[in-house]
Amino acid sequence: IFITPLTNSPFTATVSASWTRQLPDGTSITLGNHRLVIRDSKGRIYQERRLLVPEGSNQTSSITRIEISDPAAQTKYFCYPSSKTCRLTGHRAAITAPVVPVGPMGDGKRYLSREDLGKGETEGVETIGTRETVTTNAGAIGNDREVVFSKEFWYSPKLSINLVVKRTDPLHGTQTFNVSNLQLAEPDARVFAVPADYKVVDERIATP
């Protein structure tokens, strides 16, 4: 889920991830997590990064990193709860995710096609569905026949983000990302402040 620094479009939500792989004997292994994402009217973004844990287990999906970005200040903090430190870097966020044109890709051994899936609704918000398919020619990666990779996503023009993404990859399994618990209200500004007990390491390059 790529979150753009869109202004005047605040929200708070949960992003749920699920990754399922199929073993040769038919056994399925599924890992997942849930993480908090927030954007305010200034385009500032707060998001957690959490460990993937086995589905149905008692393991805790702990936070490995917190990211806080500010498009106006062109800064981004990477904060690590384990060490209570934050890296401060310069940051120029892309307003939109890049769109790859349909047709041959790279050395011409892969081909991208795109299909319009129409309109839908997620969390009460209108979405537009798209399916992208990448077909890899036989022999391109040592494969004896064509290999097909697909990505289906449901995009919200109102929020300028995908609310549902499903990737089907025969090499690495199926990954799904869903946005839930969506609240379209201004978040508490305090969430964008670095915790007072964290040490900040400024990695920006000073200009003369």
Foldseek 3Di string as FASTA:
>chain_A
DDAALAAPFWKKWKKKKKFWDADPVGDIWIWIDIKIWIHANQSKIKIFDWDTDTPPDPDDGDTQWIWIAGQVVQWIWTAGPVQLAIEIEGHHTDRADDDDDFAADDPRQKTKDKDWPQWDDDQNAIWTKMKIKIWGQAPPVVHNGIFIKMKMFTAGPSRNGTQWIWIAGNVRGIMIMHIDPMDRDGDDPVSNDRDPSGHYDYPYDDDD
